[in-house]
Amino acid sequence: MTQMKTMKLCFTSITVLASGFMLLSIWSIMVTSQQPGLVHKRLAEIDSTGLKEDKDASEIKDIKDAQNKIEELENRLKEMEYRIPKKYPDVQFLTYKDRKRILITGGAGFVGSHLVDHLMMEGHEVIVVDNFFTGRKRNVEHWVGHENFELIHHDIVNPLFIEVDEIYHLASPASPPHYMFNPVKTIKTNTIGTINVLGLAKRVNARALIASTSEVYGDPEVHPQPENYWGHVNPIGPRACYDEAKRVAETLAYSYMKQDKIEVRVARIFNTYGPRMHMQDGRVVSNFILQALTGEDITVYGSGKQTRSFQYVSDLVDGLIKLMNSNISLPVNLGNPDEHTIEEFARKIQKIVGGKSKIVHMNAMEDDPQRRKPDITRAKTYLNWEPMVPLEVGLQKTMEYFRGELLRSKHSERNLQMPTAEVLVES
């Protein structure tokens, strides 16, 4: 009796799947073709296919045959989904006079993908170049196939020949575990890669924005850090491959500007967080949220009295675009002057996420800066920019993204942060 019920359920599933397959086929034809003759021909083919499937269904003898047939129909439905025209976010339309062709190196990464969203929504043509060391295709997959978007798998350490109007050079691992994994490669990306970007800008007369970092200040002796502070960096420490390489990148930018009259912009980016962060990048926000969500102890390295300033990613993207469109060629700090101790930050995340995680202290990291806070006077004065997203709001959005990532158990379960018109409003 139980077997008969199971067989009946299987036959019902096959019928539903077959019907769904036929409906998808008909809809696909209607939206992809406006030739009546072709539509009738395809309908006849589907009708004969449907009859064949009914015949196949009648030949099913046991549960295993039924399960195989269901799996076959599911695969055919998935194939049909790829034939259905893809729906993209509704972007603004710009004429050829206003539309720019913009290259973003590292555009599939955390910050780069949010910058892609903003520029695409504005109606520009965006070309992403990424070697996918820390970037992920999933961060920009919602744009793949759009007429204004192009994705190139390329390592910027090798020269790139392309026609563009603007370049955002974001390519580089930015978290200590990632840039320490291959320190020589990190140096090459920020030196040879920067030379290739500036050489491209010189050839096509494009404006180039170099993404520098607050790490150029090292463990600062001046607080807060203004752009005219030269820094306090250990040139042979574990962080030097990133710190010093970014300092050289800045030097290269200004050397090209003085020698070849290239238009350059330099953004010194402070701690940034938000959706699409790499969950294991080893930085404070991702570590604390992931540990709290999984019920592990929240690990604070050192006394916890070190301070950091955290800005939400949409604020940073807004600052980068304003800097690119400005007339200021001096380095500009882009960060949040709202300063918190690491321990205080851990307690905020503990409160937002909830759970039973405890805060535990571990040995301090080598060359870990004790204080970090940007002086954003220059950004306020010349760009009319300052962070707008409150810390609690940004952390809530980031926590929701991480929770969605933890709930995924297969590739078909998406945790996309689809851009909308609100992207432009938020920023």
Protein backbone atom coordinates (compact mmCIF):
# COMPACT_ATOMS: atom_id res chain seq x y z
CA MET A 1 0.00 0.00 0.00
CA THR A 2 2.84 2.37 0.94
CA GLN A 3 4.63 1.57 -2.32
CA MET A 4 1.50 2.36 -4.33
CA LYS A 5 1.18 5.77 -2.61
CA THR A 6 4.84 6.50 -3.32
CA MET A 7 4.43 5.54 -6.97
CA LYS A 8 1.38 7.76 -7.23
CA LEU A 9 3.33 10.68 -5.72
CA CYS A 10 6.15 10.11 -8.21
CA PHE A 11 3.75 10.09 -11.18
CA THR A 12 2.17 13.31 -9.90
CA SER A 13 5.61 14.93 -9.62
CA ILE A 14 6.45 13.88 -13.17
CA THR A 15 3.21 15.36 -14.47
CA VAL A 16 3.84 18.67 -12.65
CA LEU A 17 7.42 18.88 -13.88
CA ALA A 18 6.41 18.03 -17.46
CA SER A 19 3.71 20.72 -17.36
CA GLY A 20 6.19 23.24 -15.98
CA PHE A 21 8.66 22.30 -18.70
CA MET A 22 6.06 22.89 -21.40
CA LEU A 23 4.97 26.24 -19.92
CA LEU A 24 8.57 27.45 -19.69
CA SER A 25 9.16 26.39 -23.28
CA ILE A 26 6.09 28.28 -24.52
CA TRP A 27 6.98 31.41 -22.53
CA SER A 28 10.58 31.26 -23.74
CA ILE A 29 9.42 31.14 -27.35
CA MET A 30 7.00 34.03 -26.92
CA VAL A 31 9.58 36.38 -25.42
CA THR A 32 12.47 35.43 -27.70
CA SER A 33 10.72 35.24 -31.05
CA GLN A 34 8.19 37.37 -32.86
CA GLN A 35 7.83 35.09 -35.89
CA PRO A 36 4.39 33.41 -35.77
CA GLY A 37 5.43 30.55 -38.05
CA LEU A 38 8.38 29.69 -35.85
CA VAL A 39 6.19 29.81 -32.74
CA HIS A 40 3.66 27.33 -34.22
CA LYS A 41 6.48 25.04 -35.29
CA ARG A 42 8.02 25.08 -31.82
CA LEU A 43 4.61 24.47 -30.20
CA ALA A 44 4.16 21.40 -32.38
CA GLU A 45 7.58 20.14 -31.31
CA ILE A 46 6.72 20.69 -27.64
CA ASP A 47 3.36 18.96 -28.11
CA SER A 48 5.06 15.89 -29.61
CA THR A 49 7.67 15.99 -26.84
CA GLY A 50 4.88 16.12 -24.26
CA LEU A 51 3.22 13.06 -25.83
CA LYS A 52 6.51 11.23 -25.77
CA GLU A 53 6.94 12.09 -22.08
CA ASP A 54 3.44 10.80 -21.33
CA LYS A 55 4.35 7.57 -23.13
CA ASP A 56 7.60 7.34 -21.18
CA ALA A 57 5.69 7.92 -17.95
CA SER A 58 3.37 5.02 -18.70
CA GLU A 59 6.38 2.74 -19.08
CA ILE A 60 7.66 3.46 -15.57
CA LYS A 61 7.65 0.24 -13.63
CA ASP A 62 9.04 1.06 -10.20
CA ILE A 63 10.05 3.89 -7.86
CA LYS A 64 13.63 4.00 -9.16
CA ASP A 65 12.41 4.58 -12.74
CA ALA A 66 10.11 7.34 -11.48
CA GLN A 67 12.94 9.04 -9.56
CA ASN A 68 15.20 8.89 -12.61
CA LYS A 69 12.47 10.46 -14.74
CA ILE A 70 11.94 13.25 -12.19
CA GLU A 71 15.67 13.98 -12.14
CA GLU A 72 15.74 14.05 -15.95
CA LEU A 73 12.85 16.52 -16.09
CA GLU A 74 14.43 18.73 -13.40
CA ASN A 75 17.61 18.94 -15.46
CA ARG A 76 15.63 19.89 -18.54
CA LEU A 77 13.83 22.64 -16.59
CA LYS A 78 17.19 24.04 -15.47
CA GLU A 79 18.37 24.08 -19.09
CA MET A 80 15.23 26.00 -20.02
CA GLU A 81 15.95 28.62 -17.37
CA TYR A 82 19.20 29.53 -19.14
CA ARG A 83 17.24 30.21 -22.36
CA ILE A 84 14.91 32.67 -20.67
CA PRO A 85 16.11 36.28 -21.07
CA LYS A 86 17.93 37.48 -17.96
CA LYS A 87 16.39 40.30 -15.93
CA TYR A 88 18.86 43.04 -14.96
CA PRO A 89 18.49 45.92 -12.52
CA ASP A 90 16.94 48.97 -14.21
CA VAL A 91 19.90 51.25 -14.96
CA GLN A 92 19.85 54.88 -16.03
CA PHE A 93 20.39 55.67 -19.70
CA LEU A 94 23.24 57.96 -20.68
CA THR A 95 23.94 59.23 -24.18
CA TYR A 96 27.35 58.67 -25.74
CA LYS A 97 28.39 62.18 -24.60
CA ASP A 98 27.79 61.47 -20.90
CA ARG A 99 28.49 57.74 -20.73
CA LYS A 100 32.03 56.85 -19.62
CA ARG A 101 33.97 53.66 -20.21
CA ILE A 102 35.36 52.78 -16.79
CA LEU A 103 37.90 50.10 -15.85
CA ILE A 104 37.91 48.69 -12.31
CA THR A 105 40.84 46.45 -11.40
CA GLY A 106 39.84 44.12 -8.58
CA GLY A 107 36.22 44.84 -9.48
CA ALA A 108 34.96 41.41 -8.34
CA GLY A 109 36.17 42.01 -4.79
CA PHE A 110 34.35 43.40 -1.78
CA VAL A 111 34.72 47.15 -2.42
CA GLY A 112 35.11 46.79 -6.19
CA SER A 113 31.78 45.00 -6.68
CA HIS A 114 29.88 47.74 -4.81
CA LEU A 115 31.63 50.35 -6.95
CA VAL A 116 30.57 48.37 -10.05
CA ASP A 117 26.94 48.44 -8.87
CA HIS A 118 26.97 52.20 -8.38
CA LEU A 119 28.60 53.02 -11.72
CA MET A 120 26.39 50.56 -13.62
CA MET A 121 23.25 52.02 -12.05
CA GLU A 122 24.43 55.46 -13.17
CA GLY A 123 24.50 54.16 -16.75
CA HIS A 124 28.24 53.92 -17.45
CA GLU A 125 30.06 51.12 -19.26
CA VAL A 126 32.06 49.14 -16.72
CA ILE A 127 34.92 46.72 -17.39
CA VAL A 128 36.04 44.55 -14.48
CA VAL A 129 39.51 43.01 -14.41
CA ASP A 130 40.18 40.48 -11.66
CA ASN A 131 42.39 37.43 -11.10
CA PHE A 132 39.92 36.11 -8.47
CA PHE A 133 42.47 35.61 -5.70
CA THR A 134 40.13 37.26 -3.20
CA GLY A 135 37.42 38.44 -5.62
CA ARG A 136 34.47 36.23 -6.56
CA LYS A 137 32.39 36.05 -9.74
CA ARG A 138 29.28 35.79 -7.58
CA ASN A 139 29.80 39.41 -6.47
CA VAL A 140 29.15 40.69 -10.01
CA GLU A 141 27.19 37.82 -11.61
CA HIS A 142 24.00 39.89 -11.69
CA TRP A 143 25.62 42.08 -14.37
CA VAL A 144 27.11 39.34 -16.56
CA GLY A 145 25.56 39.60 -20.03
CA HIS A 146 24.46 43.23 -19.65
CA GLU A 147 25.42 45.36 -22.64
CA ASN A 148 27.25 47.87 -20.40
CA PHE A 149 29.28 45.27 -18.50
CA GLU A 150 32.36 43.24 -19.28
CA LEU A 151 34.29 40.83 -17.04
CA ILE A 152 37.91 39.95 -17.86
CA HIS A 153 39.87 37.27 -16.02
CA HIS A 154 43.29 38.92 -15.94
CA ASP A 155 46.15 39.57 -13.51
CA ILE A 156 47.09 43.24 -13.59
CA VAL A 157 50.74 42.28 -13.00
CA ASN A 158 50.61 41.61 -16.76
CA PRO A 159 50.03 44.55 -19.14
CA LEU A 160 46.48 45.28 -20.30
CA PHE A 161 45.60 46.95 -23.60
CA ILE A 162 42.13 48.45 -23.61
CA GLU A 163 40.36 51.75 -24.34
CA VAL A 164 38.91 53.49 -21.26
CA ASP A 165 38.14 56.96 -19.90
CA GLU A 166 38.71 56.30 -16.18
CA ILE A 167 40.50 53.66 -14.10
CA TYR A 168 39.85 52.67 -10.50
CA HIS A 169 42.87 50.63 -9.42
CA LEU A 170 41.60 48.52 -6.51
CA ALA A 171 43.46 45.28 -7.30
CA SER A 172 45.28 43.99 -4.22
CA PRO A 173 44.56 41.69 -1.30
CA ALA A 174 43.73 43.96 1.65
CA SER A 175 43.50 41.72 4.73
CA PRO A 176 46.62 40.55 6.61
CA PRO A 177 46.08 36.77 6.05
CA HIS A 178 45.60 37.35 2.32
CA TYR A 179 48.46 39.77 1.66
CA MET A 180 50.82 37.79 3.92
CA PHE A 181 49.97 34.54 2.08
CA ASN A 182 52.20 35.60 -0.82
CA PRO A 183 54.04 38.78 0.16
CA VAL A 184 56.09 38.97 -3.04
CA LYS A 185 52.93 38.75 -5.14
CA THR A 186 51.34 41.49 -2.98
CA ILE A 187 54.32 43.75 -3.69
CA LYS A 188 54.17 42.98 -7.41
CA THR A 189 50.43 43.74 -7.60
CA ASN A 190 50.91 47.13 -5.97
CA THR A 191 54.08 48.09 -7.86
CA ILE A 192 54.21 46.39 -11.26
CA GLY A 193 50.39 46.33 -11.36
CA THR A 194 50.28 50.05 -10.62
CA ILE A 195 52.89 50.72 -13.31
CA ASN A 196 50.70 48.84 -15.80
CA VAL A 197 47.62 50.84 -14.77
CA LEU A 198 49.45 54.16 -15.00
CA GLY A 199 51.01 53.14 -18.32
CA LEU A 200 47.53 52.38 -19.65
CA ALA A 201 46.28 55.74 -18.37
CA LYS A 202 49.16 57.43 -20.16
CA ARG A 203 48.49 55.66 -23.48
CA VAL A 204 44.74 56.39 -23.59
CA ASN A 205 44.78 59.68 -21.64
CA ALA A 206 42.56 58.31 -18.86
CA ARG A 207 42.23 59.53 -15.29
CA ALA A 208 43.45 56.97 -12.73
CA LEU A 209 42.40 56.62 -9.09
CA ILE A 210 44.85 54.63 -6.94
CA ALA A 211 43.31 52.89 -3.92
CA SER A 212 45.88 53.42 -1.19
CA THR A 213 45.34 52.60 2.48
CA SER A 214 45.52 53.93 6.01
CA GLU A 215 48.31 51.35 6.49
CA VAL A 216 50.71 53.88 4.91
CA TYR A 217 50.62 55.58 8.33
CA GLY A 218 51.81 52.38 10.04
CA ASP A 219 51.58 52.53 13.83
CA PRO A 220 50.99 56.30 13.89
CA GLU A 221 52.61 58.72 16.30
CA VAL A 222 50.17 61.46 15.26
CA HIS A 223 46.48 61.17 16.12
CA PRO A 224 44.18 61.54 14.23
CA GLN A 225 46.12 60.99 11.02
CA PRO A 226 46.08 63.85 8.49
CA GLU A 227 47.25 63.37 4.91
CA ASN A 228 50.44 65.37 5.49
CA TYR A 229 51.64 62.88 8.14
CA TRP A 230 54.46 60.74 6.68
CA GLY A 231 53.79 57.66 8.77
CA HIS A 232 55.64 55.30 11.10
CA VAL A 233 56.11 52.01 9.22
CA ASN A 234 58.36 49.01 9.90
CA PRO A 235 59.89 48.33 6.44
CA ILE A 236 60.79 44.70 7.26
CA GLY A 237 57.82 43.69 9.43
CA PRO A 238 55.11 41.17 8.48
CA ARG A 239 52.84 43.96 7.20
CA ALA A 240 55.56 45.67 5.16
CA CYS A 241 54.70 43.83 1.92
CA TYR A 242 51.37 45.71 1.94
CA ASP A 243 52.27 48.94 3.76
CA GLU A 244 55.41 49.73 1.79
CA ALA A 245 53.97 48.52 -1.53
CA LYS A 246 51.09 50.98 -1.15
CA ARG A 247 53.54 53.76 -0.32
CA VAL A 248 55.45 52.95 -3.51
CA ALA A 249 52.14 52.91 -5.45
CA GLU A 250 51.50 56.47 -4.29
CA THR A 251 55.03 57.49 -5.29
CA LEU A 252 54.53 55.96 -8.72
CA ALA A 253 51.25 57.82 -9.18
CA TYR A 254 52.77 61.20 -8.45
CA SER A 255 55.88 60.44 -10.51
CA TYR A 256 53.69 59.70 -13.53
CA MET A 257 51.70 62.85 -12.83
CA LYS A 258 54.81 65.06 -12.71
CA GLN A 259 56.66 63.41 -15.58
CA ASP A 260 53.86 62.48 -18.00
CA LYS A 261 51.06 64.82 -16.86
CA ILE A 262 48.73 61.91 -16.04
CA GLU A 263 45.61 62.85 -14.05
CA VAL A 264 45.81 60.85 -10.82
CA ARG A 265 43.72 60.61 -7.66
CA VAL A 266 44.86 58.86 -4.46
CA ALA A 267 42.41 57.58 -1.84
CA ARG A 268 43.77 56.48 1.53
CA ILE A 269 41.08 54.03 2.62
CA PHE A 270 40.46 53.29 6.29
CA ASN A 271 38.72 50.20 7.72
CA THR A 272 35.64 49.37 5.66
CA TYR A 273 32.94 46.75 6.19
CA GLY A 274 29.65 45.60 4.64
CA PRO A 275 28.00 42.82 2.62
CA ARG A 276 30.24 40.74 0.31
CA MET A 277 33.17 40.88 2.71
CA HIS A 278 35.24 37.73 2.50
CA MET A 279 34.10 35.70 5.50
CA GLN A 280 37.62 34.53 6.32
CA ASP A 281 39.61 37.65 5.59
CA GLY A 282 40.88 37.75 9.17
CA ARG A 283 39.83 41.33 9.86
CA VAL A 284 37.98 42.54 12.92
CA VAL A 285 34.44 42.88 11.54
CA SER A 286 34.30 39.55 9.70
CA ASN A 287 36.03 37.69 12.55
CA PHE A 288 33.73 39.01 15.26
CA ILE A 289 30.47 38.58 13.30
CA LEU A 290 31.35 35.07 12.12
CA GLN A 291 32.39 33.98 15.60
CA ALA A 292 29.21 35.41 17.15
CA LEU A 293 26.95 33.80 14.54
CA THR A 294 28.54 30.37 14.99
CA GLY A 295 28.54 30.58 18.80
CA GLU A 296 32.34 30.62 19.10
CA ASP A 297 34.30 32.84 21.48
CA ILE A 298 34.99 36.33 20.12
CA THR A 299 38.78 36.64 20.04
CA VAL A 300 40.36 40.01 20.81
CA TYR A 301 44.10 40.21 20.18
CA GLY A 302 46.02 42.16 22.80
CA SER A 303 44.43 44.33 25.45
CA GLY A 304 41.47 45.36 23.28
CA LYS A 305 42.27 49.01 23.97
CA GLN A 306 43.54 49.53 20.40
CA THR A 307 41.22 51.80 18.46
CA ARG A 308 39.81 51.57 14.94
CA SER A 309 37.40 53.60 12.82
CA PHE A 310 34.91 51.71 10.65
CA GLN A 311 33.04 53.02 7.59
CA TYR A 312 30.23 51.28 5.71
CA VAL A 313 31.04 50.32 2.12
CA SER A 314 28.42 52.58 0.49
CA ASP A 315 30.04 55.60 2.16
CA LEU A 316 33.43 54.59 0.76
CA VAL A 317 32.04 54.10 -2.76
CA ASP A 318 30.46 57.55 -2.61
CA GLY A 319 33.82 59.02 -1.56
CA LEU A 320 35.74 57.23 -4.31
CA ILE A 321 33.39 58.51 -7.02
CA LYS A 322 33.47 62.06 -5.66
CA LEU A 323 37.26 61.95 -5.53
CA MET A 324 37.49 60.65 -9.11
CA ASN A 325 35.21 63.44 -10.34
CA SER A 326 36.99 66.17 -8.36
CA ASN A 327 39.92 68.39 -9.26
CA ILE A 328 42.01 67.46 -6.23
CA SER A 329 45.17 65.45 -6.93
CA LEU A 330 46.44 65.36 -3.33
CA PRO A 331 45.96 62.17 -1.25
CA VAL A 332 42.58 62.11 0.51
CA ASN A 333 41.62 60.12 3.61
CA LEU A 334 38.34 58.22 3.22
CA GLY A 335 37.25 56.83 6.55
CA ASN A 336 34.99 57.29 9.54
CA PRO A 337 36.37 59.51 12.34
CA ASP A 338 34.02 57.77 14.81
CA GLU A 339 36.64 55.93 16.89
CA HIS A 340 36.00 52.74 18.92
CA THR A 341 38.23 50.41 20.92
CA ILE A 342 38.41 46.83 19.65
CA GLU A 343 36.83 45.56 22.86
CA GLU A 344 33.96 48.06 22.60
CA PHE A 345 33.43 47.00 19.01
CA ALA A 346 33.33 43.33 20.03
CA ARG A 347 30.62 44.09 22.58
CA LYS A 348 28.53 45.94 19.96
CA ILE A 349 28.62 42.91 17.67
CA GLN A 350 27.91 40.59 20.60
CA LYS A 351 24.79 42.65 21.35
CA ILE A 352 23.57 42.85 17.74
CA VAL A 353 24.06 39.18 16.94
CA GLY A 354 23.07 37.80 20.31
CA GLY A 355 23.94 34.24 21.33
CA LYS A 356 26.27 32.97 24.02
CA SER A 357 29.66 33.93 22.61
CA LYS A 358 32.17 35.19 25.16
CA ILE A 359 34.92 37.72 24.57
CA VAL A 360 38.38 36.21 25.11
CA HIS A 361 41.80 37.86 24.85
CA MET A 362 44.76 36.43 22.95
CA ASN A 363 48.36 37.54 22.40
CA ALA A 364 48.77 40.76 20.42
CA MET A 365 49.67 40.61 16.72
CA GLU A 366 53.09 41.88 15.62
CA ASP A 367 53.14 45.51 14.44
CA ASP A 368 49.41 45.87 15.16
CA PRO A 369 48.65 49.64 15.10
CA GLN A 370 47.45 50.90 18.48
CA ARG A 371 45.41 53.84 17.24
CA ARG A 372 43.71 54.52 13.92
CA LYS A 373 41.45 57.48 13.18
CA PRO A 374 41.31 59.57 10.00
CA ASP A 375 41.37 63.31 9.80
CA ILE A 376 38.81 63.86 7.02
CA THR A 377 39.03 67.65 6.88
CA ARG A 378 40.36 67.49 3.32
CA ALA A 379 37.49 65.23 2.17
CA LYS A 380 34.92 67.51 3.79
CA THR A 381 36.45 70.65 2.33
CA TYR A 382 37.16 69.55 -1.23
CA LEU A 383 34.68 66.71 -1.80
CA ASN A 384 31.84 67.70 0.52
CA TRP A 385 32.03 64.10 1.75
CA GLU A 386 31.65 62.45 5.13
CA PRO A 387 30.30 59.05 6.27
CA MET A 388 26.51 58.88 6.63
CA VAL A 389 25.65 55.27 7.61
CA PRO A 390 25.49 54.75 11.41
CA LEU A 391 27.61 51.91 12.78
CA GLU A 392 24.64 49.93 14.15
CA VAL A 393 22.80 50.11 10.81
CA GLY A 394 25.83 48.98 8.83
CA LEU A 395 26.62 46.15 11.23
CA GLN A 396 23.02 44.90 11.03
CA LYS A 397 23.19 44.73 7.22
CA THR A 398 26.57 43.00 7.33
CA MET A 399 25.36 40.50 9.92
CA GLU A 400 22.32 39.64 7.76
CA TYR A 401 24.61 38.99 4.79
CA PHE A 402 26.90 36.72 6.82
CA ARG A 403 23.91 34.85 8.20
CA GLY A 404 22.67 34.28 4.64
CA GLU A 405 26.09 32.93 3.67
CA LEU A 406 26.08 30.47 6.57
CA LEU A 407 22.63 29.18 5.57
CA ARG A 408 23.75 28.28 2.04
CA SER A 409 24.28 24.58 1.46
CA LYS A 410 24.51 24.48 -2.36
CA HIS A 411 25.32 26.76 -5.28
CA SER A 412 21.69 27.22 -6.30
CA GLU A 413 20.95 28.94 -2.98
CA ARG A 414 21.87 32.53 -3.73
CA ASN A 415 22.73 35.26 -1.26
CA LEU A 416 22.98 38.11 -3.74
CA GLN A 417 22.85 41.75 -2.73
CA MET A 418 21.05 43.04 -5.82
CA PRO A 419 21.56 46.75 -6.53
CA THR A 420 18.54 49.00 -6.86
CA ALA A 421 17.91 52.69 -7.39
CA GLU A 422 18.44 52.98 -3.62
CA VAL A 423 22.17 52.42 -4.23
CA LEU A 424 22.38 55.92 -5.67
CA VAL A 425 20.28 57.40 -2.89
CA GLU A 426 22.23 55.66 -0.10
CA SER A 427 25.50 56.88 -1.46
